Amino acid sequence: MICEKCAGDIETILCGNCNKEILKLGSYCYICGNKFEKEGREAEESDIDLEHRILCSDGTCIGTVENGFCRLCGKPYIPEV
């Protein structure tokens, strides 16, 4: 699927619980709440670059941004102007 705002490719995933194809915005299905299984190995402390991370632009979330979306809440990143 192509993003309307940035024309970038957005990954979709088939939820194993509700069988709906949804945008992969976080680690949970936003329709039924099913938690997705992690692919590959878990990130180790040495893999995390704390100096260059981008925090979620939602003032109430503690997540970090990856590929333009918050990994915790799934909201798109909106940079400060």
N, C-alpha and C. Protein backbone atom coordinates (compact mmCIF):
# COMPACT_ATOMS: atom_id res chain seq x y z
N MET A 1 0.84 -1.17 0.00
CA MET A 1 0.00 0.00 0.00
C MET A 1 0.89 1.23 0.00
N ILE A 2 0.48 2.28 -0.71
CA ILE A 2 1.24 3.52 -0.82
C ILE A 2 0.63 4.59 0.09
N CYS A 3 1.50 5.27 0.86
CA CYS A 3 1.07 6.33 1.76
C CYS A 3 0.62 7.55 0.95
N GLU A 4 -0.52 8.12 1.32
CA GLU A 4 -1.05 9.30 0.63
C GLU A 4 -0.17 10.53 0.84
N LYS A 5 0.48 10.64 2.00
CA LYS A 5 1.24 11.84 2.33
C LYS A 5 2.66 11.82 1.77
N CYS A 6 3.37 10.71 1.97
CA CYS A 6 4.79 10.68 1.59
C CYS A 6 5.08 9.82 0.36
N ALA A 7 4.09 9.12 -0.16
CA ALA A 7 4.22 8.23 -1.32
C ALA A 7 5.15 7.05 -1.04
N GLY A 8 5.43 6.80 0.24
CA GLY A 8 6.25 5.66 0.62
C GLY A 8 5.40 4.40 0.73
N ASP A 9 6.06 3.27 0.67
CA ASP A 9 5.37 1.99 0.77
C ASP A 9 5.08 1.68 2.24
N ILE A 10 3.84 1.32 2.55
CA ILE A 10 3.45 0.95 3.91
C ILE A 10 3.21 -0.55 3.93
N GLU A 11 3.86 -1.22 4.85
CA GLU A 11 3.74 -2.67 4.96
C GLU A 11 2.37 -3.06 5.53
N THR A 12 1.78 -4.09 4.96
CA THR A 12 0.54 -4.63 5.50
C THR A 12 0.81 -6.02 6.05
N ILE A 13 -0.09 -6.48 6.91
CA ILE A 13 0.06 -7.79 7.54
C ILE A 13 -1.33 -8.40 7.69
N LEU A 14 -1.40 -9.70 7.61
CA LEU A 14 -2.66 -10.41 7.83
C LEU A 14 -2.70 -10.83 9.29
N CYS A 15 -3.69 -10.34 10.03
CA CYS A 15 -3.82 -10.69 11.44
C CYS A 15 -4.26 -12.14 11.54
N GLY A 16 -3.54 -12.92 12.31
CA GLY A 16 -3.86 -14.32 12.50
C GLY A 16 -5.09 -14.56 13.35
N ASN A 17 -5.55 -13.54 14.06
CA ASN A 17 -6.70 -13.69 14.93
C ASN A 17 -8.01 -13.33 14.23
N CYS A 18 -8.06 -12.13 13.61
CA CYS A 18 -9.32 -11.69 12.97
C CYS A 18 -9.31 -11.87 11.45
N ASN A 19 -8.19 -12.31 10.89
CA ASN A 19 -8.02 -12.55 9.45
C ASN A 19 -8.27 -11.32 8.59
N LYS A 20 -7.99 -10.12 9.11
CA LYS A 20 -8.11 -8.87 8.35
C LYS A 20 -6.72 -8.44 7.91
N GLU A 21 -6.60 -7.93 6.69
CA GLU A 21 -5.34 -7.37 6.23
C GLU A 21 -5.30 -5.92 6.68
N ILE A 22 -4.30 -5.58 7.51
CA ILE A 22 -4.22 -4.25 8.09
C ILE A 22 -2.84 -3.67 7.84
N LEU A 23 -2.70 -2.36 8.06
CA LEU A 23 -1.40 -1.71 7.99
C LEU A 23 -0.58 -2.15 9.19
N LYS A 24 0.68 -2.44 8.98
CA LYS A 24 1.54 -2.85 10.10
C LYS A 24 2.10 -1.58 10.74
N LEU A 25 1.36 -1.06 11.70
CA LEU A 25 1.72 0.20 12.35
C LEU A 25 2.32 -0.01 13.72
N GLY A 26 2.19 -1.15 14.27
CA GLY A 26 2.71 -1.41 15.60
C GLY A 26 2.78 -2.90 15.84
N SER A 27 2.85 -3.31 17.09
CA SER A 27 2.97 -4.72 17.40
C SER A 27 1.63 -5.36 17.78
N TYR A 28 0.52 -4.60 17.61
CA TYR A 28 -0.81 -5.11 17.89
C TYR A 28 -1.73 -4.83 16.71
N CYS A 29 -2.74 -5.69 16.52
CA CYS A 29 -3.76 -5.46 15.51
C CYS A 29 -4.68 -4.35 16.03
N TYR A 30 -4.88 -3.29 15.24
CA TYR A 30 -5.72 -2.20 15.69
C TYR A 30 -7.21 -2.49 15.53
N ILE A 31 -7.56 -3.66 15.00
CA ILE A 31 -8.96 -4.06 14.90
C ILE A 31 -9.37 -4.93 16.09
N CYS A 32 -8.57 -5.98 16.37
CA CYS A 32 -8.97 -6.91 17.43
C CYS A 32 -8.05 -6.88 18.65
N GLY A 33 -6.89 -6.22 18.56
CA GLY A 33 -5.98 -6.14 19.69
C GLY A 33 -4.99 -7.28 19.81
N ASN A 34 -4.97 -8.19 18.84
CA ASN A 34 -4.05 -9.33 18.85
C ASN A 34 -2.60 -8.85 18.80
N LYS A 35 -1.73 -9.41 19.65
CA LYS A 35 -0.31 -9.07 19.64
C LYS A 35 0.39 -9.91 18.59
N PHE A 36 1.14 -9.24 17.70
CA PHE A 36 1.88 -9.94 16.65
C PHE A 36 3.15 -10.55 17.24
N GLU A 37 3.55 -11.68 16.71
CA GLU A 37 4.78 -12.32 17.13
C GLU A 37 5.96 -11.56 16.55
N LYS A 38 7.06 -11.49 17.28
CA LYS A 38 8.27 -10.83 16.81
C LYS A 38 8.89 -11.68 15.72
N GLU A 39 9.39 -11.02 14.68
CA GLU A 39 10.09 -11.71 13.61
C GLU A 39 11.58 -11.60 13.86
N GLY A 40 12.29 -12.70 13.72
CA GLY A 40 13.73 -12.68 13.94
C GLY A 40 14.06 -12.60 15.41
N ARG A 41 15.30 -12.19 15.70
CA ARG A 41 15.72 -12.11 17.09
C ARG A 41 15.29 -10.81 17.72
N GLU A 42 15.16 -10.82 19.02
CA GLU A 42 14.80 -9.62 19.77
C GLU A 42 16.00 -8.66 19.75
N ALA A 43 15.72 -7.37 19.81
CA ALA A 43 16.79 -6.37 19.85
C ALA A 43 17.52 -6.47 21.19
N GLU A 44 18.83 -6.45 21.12
CA GLU A 44 19.64 -6.49 22.33
C GLU A 44 19.99 -5.06 22.70
N GLU A 45 20.39 -4.83 23.95
CA GLU A 45 20.74 -3.50 24.41
C GLU A 45 21.80 -2.86 23.52
N SER A 46 22.78 -3.64 23.06
CA SER A 46 23.85 -3.10 22.24
C SER A 46 23.36 -2.67 20.86
N ASP A 47 22.20 -3.15 20.40
CA ASP A 47 21.64 -2.80 19.10
C ASP A 47 20.88 -1.48 19.13
N ILE A 48 20.54 -0.98 20.29
CA ILE A 48 19.73 0.22 20.41
C ILE A 48 20.62 1.45 20.45
N ASP A 49 20.40 2.37 19.51
CA ASP A 49 21.17 3.61 19.44
C ASP A 49 20.37 4.71 20.13
N LEU A 50 20.59 4.89 21.41
CA LEU A 50 19.82 5.85 22.21
C LEU A 50 20.10 7.29 21.82
N GLU A 51 21.28 7.57 21.28
CA GLU A 51 21.64 8.93 20.94
C GLU A 51 20.86 9.45 19.73
N HIS A 52 20.51 8.59 18.79
CA HIS A 52 19.86 9.03 17.55
C HIS A 52 18.40 8.60 17.44
N ARG A 53 17.79 8.16 18.52
CA ARG A 53 16.39 7.74 18.46
C ARG A 53 15.48 8.95 18.32
N ILE A 54 14.30 8.72 17.74
CA ILE A 54 13.29 9.76 17.59
C ILE A 54 12.11 9.36 18.46
N LEU A 55 11.73 10.24 19.38
CA LEU A 55 10.62 9.94 20.28
C LEU A 55 9.30 10.23 19.59
N CYS A 56 8.26 9.53 20.02
CA CYS A 56 6.91 9.72 19.49
C CYS A 56 6.50 11.18 19.66
N SER A 57 5.84 11.74 18.64
CA SER A 57 5.42 13.14 18.71
C SER A 57 4.16 13.34 19.55
N ASP A 58 3.51 12.25 19.96
CA ASP A 58 2.36 12.34 20.87
C ASP A 58 2.92 12.56 22.27
N GLY A 59 2.55 13.63 22.91
CA GLY A 59 3.10 13.98 24.21
C GLY A 59 2.80 13.00 25.33
N THR A 60 1.86 12.06 25.12
CA THR A 60 1.51 11.12 26.18
C THR A 60 2.13 9.74 25.97
N CYS A 61 2.79 9.52 24.84
CA CYS A 61 3.36 8.20 24.52
C CYS A 61 4.86 8.19 24.80
N ILE A 62 5.38 7.05 25.21
CA ILE A 62 6.81 6.93 25.50
C ILE A 62 7.55 6.12 24.43
N GLY A 63 6.89 5.87 23.30
CA GLY A 63 7.48 5.06 22.24
C GLY A 63 8.51 5.81 21.41
N THR A 64 9.20 5.07 20.54
CA THR A 64 10.15 5.63 19.60
C THR A 64 9.67 5.40 18.18
N VAL A 65 10.12 6.26 17.27
CA VAL A 65 9.67 6.23 15.89
C VAL A 65 10.58 5.36 15.05
N GLU A 66 9.97 4.52 14.22
CA GLU A 66 10.69 3.69 13.26
C GLU A 66 9.87 3.66 11.98
N ASN A 67 10.50 3.97 10.85
CA ASN A 67 9.83 3.99 9.55
C ASN A 67 8.65 4.96 9.53
N GLY A 68 8.75 6.07 10.26
CA GLY A 68 7.72 7.10 10.23
C GLY A 68 6.55 6.90 11.19
N PHE A 69 6.55 5.79 11.93
CA PHE A 69 5.45 5.50 12.86
C PHE A 69 6.00 5.11 14.22
N CYS A 70 5.25 5.45 15.27
CA CYS A 70 5.64 5.08 16.63
C CYS A 70 5.53 3.56 16.77
N ARG A 71 6.56 2.94 17.33
CA ARG A 71 6.56 1.49 17.51
C ARG A 71 5.61 1.06 18.62
N LEU A 72 5.26 1.97 19.52
CA LEU A 72 4.41 1.61 20.64
C LEU A 72 2.93 1.86 20.36
N CYS A 73 2.59 3.07 19.93
CA CYS A 73 1.17 3.40 19.73
C CYS A 73 0.74 3.36 18.26
N GLY A 74 1.69 3.36 17.33
CA GLY A 74 1.37 3.26 15.91
C GLY A 74 1.02 4.57 15.23
N LYS A 75 1.05 5.69 15.96
CA LYS A 75 0.71 6.98 15.36
C LYS A 75 1.84 7.44 14.44
N PRO A 76 1.49 8.15 13.34
CA PRO A 76 2.54 8.67 12.45
C PRO A 76 3.32 9.77 13.14
N TYR A 77 4.61 9.86 12.79
CA TYR A 77 5.49 10.88 13.37
C TYR A 77 5.20 12.24 12.73
N ILE A 78 5.00 13.26 13.55
CA ILE A 78 4.78 14.61 13.08
C ILE A 78 5.92 15.46 13.65
N PRO A 79 6.89 15.85 12.81
CA PRO A 79 8.03 16.62 13.33
C PRO A 79 7.61 18.00 13.81
N GLU A 80 8.34 18.51 14.82
CA GLU A 80 8.08 19.86 15.32
C GLU A 80 8.59 20.86 14.29
N VAL A 81 7.89 21.96 14.17
CA VAL A 81 8.28 22.99 13.18
C VAL A 81 9.05 24.08 13.84
